[in-house]
Amino acid sequence: MTDALRSDALMPHVRKLAEEIGPRPAGHPAEMRARQYIRQVLSELGYDEIETLPFLTPDTWGYAVGNSLALTLASNLLGTRSRVGRLRAA
């Protein structure tokens, strides 16, 4: 195993991607930052021929936030308007 693949050498990259760049849904600006970071690291390791394959994707970030919000609002509404919600309030 090369030095670049040791766990102590990989952890700074994992932290950079997971903590600093954070979630990166397809098409989101964070995905671009992660791609640029990975290309830079690979280039520094001597990989000069890095190919990027473009692809089309819907904006998934809005769906992730919107669905969670809709489910939260629906459960709160059901909890206050349902029979169980009225029994707890009494």
Protein backbone atom coordinates (compact mmCIF):
# COMPACT_ATOMS: atom_id res chain seq x y z
CA MET A 1 0.00 0.00 0.00
CA THR A 2 1.36 3.42 -0.86
CA ASP A 3 1.76 6.21 1.66
CA ALA A 4 -1.10 8.14 0.04
CA LEU A 5 -3.52 5.32 0.91
CA ARG A 6 -2.72 5.03 4.63
CA SER A 7 -5.65 5.92 6.89
CA ASP A 8 -3.78 8.77 8.58
CA ALA A 9 -2.99 10.22 5.13
CA LEU A 10 -6.61 9.85 3.93
CA MET A 11 -8.38 11.30 6.98
CA PRO A 12 -7.57 14.97 6.21
CA HIS A 13 -9.22 14.48 2.81
CA VAL A 14 -12.26 12.82 4.36
CA ARG A 15 -12.58 15.69 6.84
CA LYS A 16 -12.21 18.26 4.04
CA LEU A 17 -14.96 16.63 1.98
CA ALA A 18 -17.30 15.77 4.86
CA GLU A 19 -16.88 18.72 7.23
CA GLU A 20 -15.63 21.70 5.20
CA ILE A 21 -17.34 21.08 1.86
CA GLY A 22 -20.25 19.16 3.38
CA PRO A 23 -23.23 17.61 1.59
CA ARG A 24 -22.89 17.82 -2.17
CA PRO A 25 -26.02 16.82 -4.06
CA ALA A 26 -25.71 16.52 -7.82
CA GLY A 27 -25.63 19.91 -9.49
CA HIS A 28 -25.06 21.80 -6.24
CA PRO A 29 -22.11 24.27 -5.96
CA ALA A 30 -20.62 22.08 -3.20
CA GLU A 31 -20.31 19.26 -5.73
CA MET A 32 -18.16 21.54 -7.89
CA ARG A 33 -15.96 22.44 -4.89
CA ALA A 34 -15.48 18.75 -4.09
CA ARG A 35 -14.61 17.98 -7.71
CA GLN A 36 -12.03 20.78 -7.80
CA TYR A 37 -10.50 19.62 -4.51
CA ILE A 38 -10.24 16.00 -5.67
CA ARG A 39 -8.71 17.03 -9.01
CA GLN A 40 -6.14 19.17 -7.16
CA VAL A 41 -5.17 16.35 -4.80
CA LEU A 42 -4.87 13.82 -7.65
CA SER A 43 -2.76 16.28 -9.62
CA GLU A 44 -0.46 16.77 -6.62
CA LEU A 45 -0.07 12.97 -6.43
CA GLY A 46 1.11 12.93 -10.05
CA TYR A 47 -2.10 12.02 -11.86
CA ASP A 48 -2.03 14.47 -14.76
CA GLU A 49 -4.61 12.90 -17.08
CA ILE A 50 -7.86 13.34 -15.16
CA GLU A 51 -11.00 13.04 -17.26
CA THR A 52 -14.26 14.72 -16.26
CA LEU A 53 -17.47 13.21 -17.63
CA PRO A 54 -20.34 15.71 -17.73
CA PHE A 55 -23.90 14.54 -17.12
CA LEU A 56 -27.33 16.12 -16.80
CA THR A 57 -29.10 16.00 -13.48
CA PRO A 58 -32.19 17.55 -11.92
CA ASP A 59 -31.81 19.87 -8.95
CA THR A 60 -32.03 17.29 -6.16
CA TRP A 61 -31.18 19.73 -3.36
CA GLY A 62 -34.63 21.34 -3.47
CA TYR A 63 -36.35 17.96 -3.31
CA ALA A 64 -34.40 16.91 -0.23
CA VAL A 65 -35.27 20.07 1.69
CA GLY A 66 -38.83 20.37 0.37
CA ASN A 67 -39.84 16.78 1.15
CA SER A 68 -38.53 16.97 4.72
CA LEU A 69 -40.33 20.25 5.31
CA ALA A 70 -43.61 18.94 3.86
CA LEU A 71 -43.48 15.80 6.03
CA THR A 72 -42.74 17.83 9.15
CA LEU A 73 -45.61 20.25 8.50
CA ALA A 74 -48.02 17.41 7.72
CA SER A 75 -47.14 15.51 10.89
CA ASN A 76 -47.50 18.64 13.02
CA LEU A 77 -50.87 19.40 11.45
CA LEU A 78 -52.08 15.83 11.96
CA GLY A 79 -50.82 15.82 15.54
CA THR A 80 -52.82 18.94 16.48
CA ARG A 81 -55.97 18.22 14.47
CA SER A 82 -56.34 14.48 14.86
CA ARG A 83 -58.32 12.77 17.60
CA VAL A 84 -55.12 11.81 19.41
CA GLY A 85 -53.87 15.40 19.30
CA ARG A 86 -57.13 16.70 20.73
CA LEU A 87 -57.07 14.07 23.51
CA ARG A 88 -53.55 15.09 24.53
CA ALA A 89 -54.52 18.76 24.62
CA ALA A 90 -57.47 18.10 26.91
